[in-house]
């Protein structure tokens, strides 16, 4: 009987864990963001959850982050600069979706 209860509890935790997990968006994989960022761990660049926490409540954050992702730059999260994702300006819709995804992680 105890085995059945433990098995059901473990299965429930596994389902809850996978339902709560947030996956890297396809746009991020397509554009190479996952090479330097993850949702919850620092790789080369900051974890996106940390970005969301840093800019929580900042009304101008979305516009600034869209510019940063588009043009690249450094100095906010360390010395390693982020390369420009969209120097031509043709991926603005993709970048806006990614930035909105990142900022929503802390809600």
N, C-alpha and C. Protein backbone atom coordinates (compact mmCIF):
# COMPACT_ATOMS: atom_id res chain seq x y z
N UNK A 1 0.81 -1.19 0.00
CA UNK A 1 0.00 0.00 0.00
C UNK A 1 0.86 1.26 0.00
N UNK A 2 1.91 1.27 0.85
CA UNK A 2 2.80 2.42 0.89
C UNK A 2 3.46 2.63 -0.46
N UNK A 3 3.82 1.52 -1.13
CA UNK A 3 4.46 1.61 -2.44
C UNK A 3 3.56 2.33 -3.44
N UNK A 4 2.28 2.01 -3.43
CA UNK A 4 1.34 2.62 -4.35
C UNK A 4 1.22 4.12 -4.08
N UNK A 5 1.13 4.50 -2.82
CA UNK A 5 1.00 5.91 -2.47
C UNK A 5 2.26 6.68 -2.87
N UNK A 6 3.42 6.10 -2.60
CA UNK A 6 4.68 6.75 -2.96
C UNK A 6 4.79 6.87 -4.48
N UNK A 7 4.40 5.85 -5.20
CA UNK A 7 4.46 5.88 -6.66
C UNK A 7 3.54 6.96 -7.23
N UNK A 8 2.36 7.05 -6.70
CA UNK A 8 1.41 8.08 -7.16
C UNK A 8 1.95 9.47 -6.85
N UNK A 9 2.49 9.66 -5.67
CA UNK A 9 3.06 10.96 -5.30
C UNK A 9 4.23 11.33 -6.20
N UNK A 10 5.11 10.37 -6.46
CA UNK A 10 6.26 10.63 -7.33
C UNK A 10 5.81 10.97 -8.75
N UNK A 11 4.84 10.25 -9.26
CA UNK A 11 4.32 10.53 -10.60
C UNK A 11 3.70 11.92 -10.65
N UNK A 12 2.99 12.29 -9.62
CA UNK A 12 2.39 13.62 -9.56
C UNK A 12 3.43 14.72 -9.56
N UNK A 13 4.51 14.52 -8.83
CA UNK A 13 5.59 15.50 -8.81
C UNK A 13 6.26 15.62 -10.17
N UNK A 14 6.44 14.51 -10.84
CA UNK A 14 7.06 14.54 -12.17
C UNK A 14 6.18 15.30 -13.15
N UNK A 15 4.90 15.06 -13.12
CA UNK A 15 3.97 15.76 -14.01
C UNK A 15 3.96 17.24 -13.67
N UNK A 16 3.90 17.58 -12.41
CA UNK A 16 3.89 18.99 -12.00
C UNK A 16 5.17 19.68 -12.41
N UNK A 17 6.30 19.00 -12.24
CA UNK A 17 7.59 19.58 -12.62
C UNK A 17 7.66 19.85 -14.10
N UNK A 18 7.20 18.93 -14.92
CA UNK A 18 7.27 19.15 -16.36
C UNK A 18 6.26 20.20 -16.81
N UNK A 19 5.15 20.31 -16.12
CA UNK A 19 4.16 21.32 -16.48
C UNK A 19 4.66 22.71 -16.11
N UNK A 20 5.46 22.81 -15.04
CA UNK A 20 5.96 24.11 -14.62
C UNK A 20 7.20 24.52 -15.40
N UNK A 21 7.89 23.58 -15.99
CA UNK A 21 9.12 23.89 -16.71
C UNK A 21 8.80 24.76 -17.93
N UNK A 22 9.64 25.75 -18.15
CA UNK A 22 9.49 26.61 -19.31
C UNK A 22 10.57 26.23 -20.30
N UNK A 23 10.17 25.99 -21.53
CA UNK A 23 11.12 25.62 -22.56
C UNK A 23 11.64 26.85 -23.28
N UNK A 24 12.85 26.72 -23.81
CA UNK A 24 13.44 27.77 -24.63
C UNK A 24 12.58 27.92 -25.88
N UNK A 25 12.15 29.12 -26.22
CA UNK A 25 11.31 29.31 -27.41
C UNK A 25 12.06 28.93 -28.69
N UNK A 26 11.32 28.49 -29.68
CA UNK A 26 11.91 28.10 -30.96
C UNK A 26 12.67 29.27 -31.59
N UNK A 27 12.16 30.48 -31.42
CA UNK A 27 12.85 31.66 -31.96
C UNK A 27 14.25 31.81 -31.38
N UNK A 28 14.39 31.51 -30.10
CA UNK A 28 15.70 31.62 -29.45
C UNK A 28 16.66 30.57 -30.00
N UNK A 29 16.15 29.37 -30.22
CA UNK A 29 17.00 28.31 -30.78
C UNK A 29 17.39 28.67 -32.21
N UNK A 30 16.43 29.14 -33.00
CA UNK A 30 16.67 29.48 -34.40
C UNK A 30 17.71 30.59 -34.53
N UNK A 31 17.69 31.55 -33.64
CA UNK A 31 18.58 32.70 -33.73
C UNK A 31 19.87 32.55 -32.93
N UNK A 32 20.11 31.38 -32.34
CA UNK A 32 21.37 31.12 -31.65
C UNK A 32 21.45 31.63 -30.23
N UNK A 33 20.36 32.12 -29.67
CA UNK A 33 20.37 32.66 -28.30
C UNK A 33 20.75 31.59 -27.27
N UNK A 34 20.33 30.36 -27.52
CA UNK A 34 20.56 29.27 -26.56
C UNK A 34 22.04 28.91 -26.43
N UNK A 35 22.87 29.39 -27.32
CA UNK A 35 24.31 29.12 -27.20
C UNK A 35 24.90 29.86 -26.00
N UNK A 36 24.34 31.01 -25.66
CA UNK A 36 24.87 31.82 -24.57
C UNK A 36 23.92 32.02 -23.40
N UNK A 37 22.65 31.74 -23.60
CA UNK A 37 21.65 31.97 -22.55
C UNK A 37 20.85 30.71 -22.28
N UNK A 38 20.39 30.59 -21.05
CA UNK A 38 19.38 29.59 -20.71
C UNK A 38 18.32 30.33 -19.91
N UNK A 39 17.27 29.65 -19.63
CA UNK A 39 16.19 30.30 -18.89
C UNK A 39 16.55 30.51 -17.43
N UNK A 40 17.20 29.50 -16.83
CA UNK A 40 17.42 29.58 -15.39
C UNK A 40 18.87 29.49 -14.93
N UNK A 41 19.84 29.41 -15.87
CA UNK A 41 21.26 29.33 -15.48
C UNK A 41 22.09 30.27 -16.33
N UNK A 42 23.08 30.89 -15.71
CA UNK A 42 24.04 31.70 -16.47
C UNK A 42 24.90 30.75 -17.30
N UNK A 43 25.08 31.08 -18.55
CA UNK A 43 26.03 30.33 -19.40
C UNK A 43 27.13 31.34 -19.72
N UNK A 44 27.14 31.91 -20.89
CA UNK A 44 28.04 33.02 -21.21
C UNK A 44 27.34 34.32 -20.82
N UNK A 45 26.08 34.41 -21.22
CA UNK A 45 25.25 35.55 -20.86
C UNK A 45 24.39 35.20 -19.66
N UNK A 46 23.65 36.17 -19.17
CA UNK A 46 22.84 35.94 -17.98
C UNK A 46 21.66 35.00 -18.25
N UNK A 47 21.20 34.36 -17.19
CA UNK A 47 19.96 33.58 -17.27
C UNK A 47 18.83 34.55 -17.53
N UNK A 48 17.89 34.15 -18.36
CA UNK A 48 16.80 35.04 -18.70
C UNK A 48 15.92 35.35 -17.50
N UNK A 49 15.83 34.45 -16.53
CA UNK A 49 15.06 34.75 -15.31
C UNK A 49 15.72 35.90 -14.55
N UNK A 50 17.06 35.93 -14.56
CA UNK A 50 17.76 37.03 -13.89
C UNK A 50 17.51 38.35 -14.61
N UNK A 51 17.45 38.32 -15.93
CA UNK A 51 17.14 39.52 -16.70
C UNK A 51 15.74 40.01 -16.34
N UNK A 52 14.79 39.08 -16.30
CA UNK A 52 13.41 39.44 -15.96
C UNK A 52 13.33 40.07 -14.57
N UNK A 53 14.07 39.52 -13.61
CA UNK A 53 14.06 40.07 -12.25
C UNK A 53 14.68 41.46 -12.21
N UNK A 54 15.78 41.64 -12.95
CA UNK A 54 16.46 42.93 -12.95
C UNK A 54 15.56 44.05 -13.49
N UNK A 55 14.77 43.74 -14.50
CA UNK A 55 13.97 44.76 -15.17
C UNK A 55 12.50 44.77 -14.75
N UNK A 56 12.14 43.97 -13.75
CA UNK A 56 10.76 43.92 -13.29
C UNK A 56 10.29 45.32 -12.87
N UNK A 57 9.15 45.72 -13.40
CA UNK A 57 8.57 47.01 -13.04
C UNK A 57 9.16 48.19 -13.80
N UNK A 58 10.12 47.96 -14.67
CA UNK A 58 10.76 49.02 -15.45
C UNK A 58 9.99 49.20 -16.76
N UNK A 59 9.26 50.28 -16.88
CA UNK A 59 8.39 50.50 -18.04
C UNK A 59 9.18 50.63 -19.35
N UNK A 60 10.42 51.07 -19.30
CA UNK A 60 11.21 51.24 -20.51
C UNK A 60 12.08 50.06 -20.86
N UNK A 61 11.99 48.99 -20.07
CA UNK A 61 12.88 47.84 -20.26
C UNK A 61 12.69 47.17 -21.61
N UNK A 62 11.45 46.99 -22.04
CA UNK A 62 11.21 46.28 -23.30
C UNK A 62 11.92 46.98 -24.46
N UNK A 63 11.75 48.27 -24.57
CA UNK A 63 12.38 49.01 -25.68
C UNK A 63 13.90 48.95 -25.60
N UNK A 64 14.46 49.11 -24.39
CA UNK A 64 15.92 49.06 -24.24
C UNK A 64 16.47 47.68 -24.57
N UNK A 65 15.76 46.63 -24.14
CA UNK A 65 16.23 45.27 -24.41
C UNK A 65 16.11 44.92 -25.89
N UNK A 66 15.08 45.40 -26.55
CA UNK A 66 14.95 45.18 -28.00
C UNK A 66 16.15 45.80 -28.71
N UNK A 67 16.52 47.00 -28.31
CA UNK A 67 17.68 47.67 -28.90
C UNK A 67 18.96 46.90 -28.60
N UNK A 68 19.12 46.45 -27.37
CA UNK A 68 20.33 45.72 -26.96
C UNK A 68 20.46 44.42 -27.75
N UNK A 69 19.37 43.68 -27.89
CA UNK A 69 19.42 42.41 -28.63
C UNK A 69 19.69 42.68 -30.11
N UNK A 70 19.09 43.72 -30.64
CA UNK A 70 19.26 44.05 -32.05
C UNK A 70 20.69 44.46 -32.37
N UNK A 71 21.23 45.38 -31.56
CA UNK A 71 22.53 45.97 -31.86
C UNK A 71 23.69 45.34 -31.11
N UNK A 72 23.39 44.54 -30.08
CA UNK A 72 24.45 43.94 -29.28
C UNK A 72 25.00 44.93 -28.28
N UNK A 73 26.05 44.54 -27.60
CA UNK A 73 26.69 45.43 -26.63
C UNK A 73 27.09 44.67 -25.40
N UNK A 74 27.67 45.37 -24.46
CA UNK A 74 28.15 44.73 -23.24
C UNK A 74 28.12 45.70 -22.08
N UNK A 75 28.66 45.23 -20.97
CA UNK A 75 28.81 46.08 -19.81
C UNK A 75 27.74 45.96 -18.75
N UNK A 76 26.58 45.39 -19.08
CA UNK A 76 25.51 45.28 -18.09
C UNK A 76 25.69 44.03 -17.24
N UNK A 77 26.07 42.92 -17.86
CA UNK A 77 26.17 41.63 -17.18
C UNK A 77 27.59 41.10 -17.12
N UNK A 78 28.56 41.92 -17.42
CA UNK A 78 29.94 41.48 -17.40
C UNK A 78 30.69 42.03 -18.60
N UNK A 79 31.87 41.49 -18.83
CA UNK A 79 32.73 42.05 -19.88
C UNK A 79 32.53 41.41 -21.25
N UNK A 80 31.88 40.26 -21.31
CA UNK A 80 31.67 39.60 -22.60
C UNK A 80 30.54 40.30 -23.34
N UNK A 81 30.84 40.88 -24.50
CA UNK A 81 29.77 41.57 -25.24
C UNK A 81 28.83 40.59 -25.93
N UNK A 82 27.59 41.01 -26.04
CA UNK A 82 26.60 40.22 -26.79
C UNK A 82 26.66 40.67 -28.24
N UNK A 83 26.75 39.72 -29.17
CA UNK A 83 26.76 40.12 -30.58
C UNK A 83 25.39 40.63 -31.02
N UNK A 84 25.40 41.44 -32.05
CA UNK A 84 24.15 41.97 -32.60
C UNK A 84 23.37 40.85 -33.26
N UNK A 85 22.11 40.74 -32.94
CA UNK A 85 21.26 39.71 -33.56
C UNK A 85 20.62 40.23 -34.84
N UNK A 86 20.47 41.55 -34.94
CA UNK A 86 19.72 42.09 -36.07
C UNK A 86 20.28 43.44 -36.54
N UNK A 87 21.52 43.46 -36.99
CA UNK A 87 22.07 44.75 -37.43
C UNK A 87 21.33 45.33 -38.64
N UNK A 88 20.65 44.49 -39.43
CA UNK A 88 19.93 44.97 -40.60
C UNK A 88 18.53 45.48 -40.27
N UNK A 89 18.03 45.16 -39.08
CA UNK A 89 16.70 45.60 -38.67
C UNK A 89 15.56 44.78 -39.23
N UNK A 90 15.84 43.58 -39.73
CA UNK A 90 14.81 42.76 -40.37
C UNK A 90 14.14 41.76 -39.43
N UNK A 91 14.63 41.63 -38.19
CA UNK A 91 14.10 40.62 -37.27
C UNK A 91 13.40 41.26 -36.06
N UNK A 92 12.92 42.47 -36.20
CA UNK A 92 12.36 43.18 -35.05
C UNK A 92 11.17 42.47 -34.42
N UNK A 93 10.32 41.84 -35.22
CA UNK A 93 9.18 41.12 -34.64
C UNK A 93 9.64 39.94 -33.81
N UNK A 94 10.64 39.19 -34.32
CA UNK A 94 11.20 38.06 -33.56
C UNK A 94 11.81 38.55 -32.25
N UNK A 95 12.58 39.61 -32.34
CA UNK A 95 13.25 40.13 -31.15
C UNK A 95 12.24 40.62 -30.12
N UNK A 96 11.21 41.29 -30.58
CA UNK A 96 10.17 41.77 -29.65
C UNK A 96 9.51 40.60 -28.95
N UNK A 97 9.22 39.53 -29.67
CA UNK A 97 8.61 38.35 -29.06
C UNK A 97 9.54 37.73 -28.02
N UNK A 98 10.83 37.64 -28.32
CA UNK A 98 11.79 37.08 -27.37
C UNK A 98 11.90 37.94 -26.12
N UNK A 99 11.99 39.24 -26.30
CA UNK A 99 12.10 40.14 -25.15
C UNK A 99 10.84 40.06 -24.28
N UNK A 100 9.68 40.01 -24.91
CA UNK A 100 8.45 39.88 -24.12
C UNK A 100 8.41 38.55 -23.37
N UNK A 101 8.90 37.49 -24.00
CA UNK A 101 8.98 36.19 -23.33
C UNK A 101 9.89 36.29 -22.10
N UNK A 102 11.06 36.89 -22.29
CA UNK A 102 12.03 37.01 -21.20
C UNK A 102 11.44 37.82 -20.04
N UNK A 103 10.87 38.97 -20.34
CA UNK A 103 10.34 39.83 -19.28
C UNK A 103 9.15 39.18 -18.56
N UNK A 104 8.45 38.30 -19.22
CA UNK A 104 7.30 37.62 -18.59
C UNK A 104 7.73 36.50 -17.65
N UNK A 105 8.99 36.13 -17.66
CA UNK A 105 9.44 35.02 -16.81
C UNK A 105 9.32 35.33 -15.32
N UNK A 106 9.31 36.59 -14.96
CA UNK A 106 9.25 36.96 -13.54
C UNK A 106 7.86 37.39 -13.11
N UNK A 107 6.85 36.92 -13.82
CA UNK A 107 5.48 37.31 -13.46
C UNK A 107 4.76 36.16 -12.83
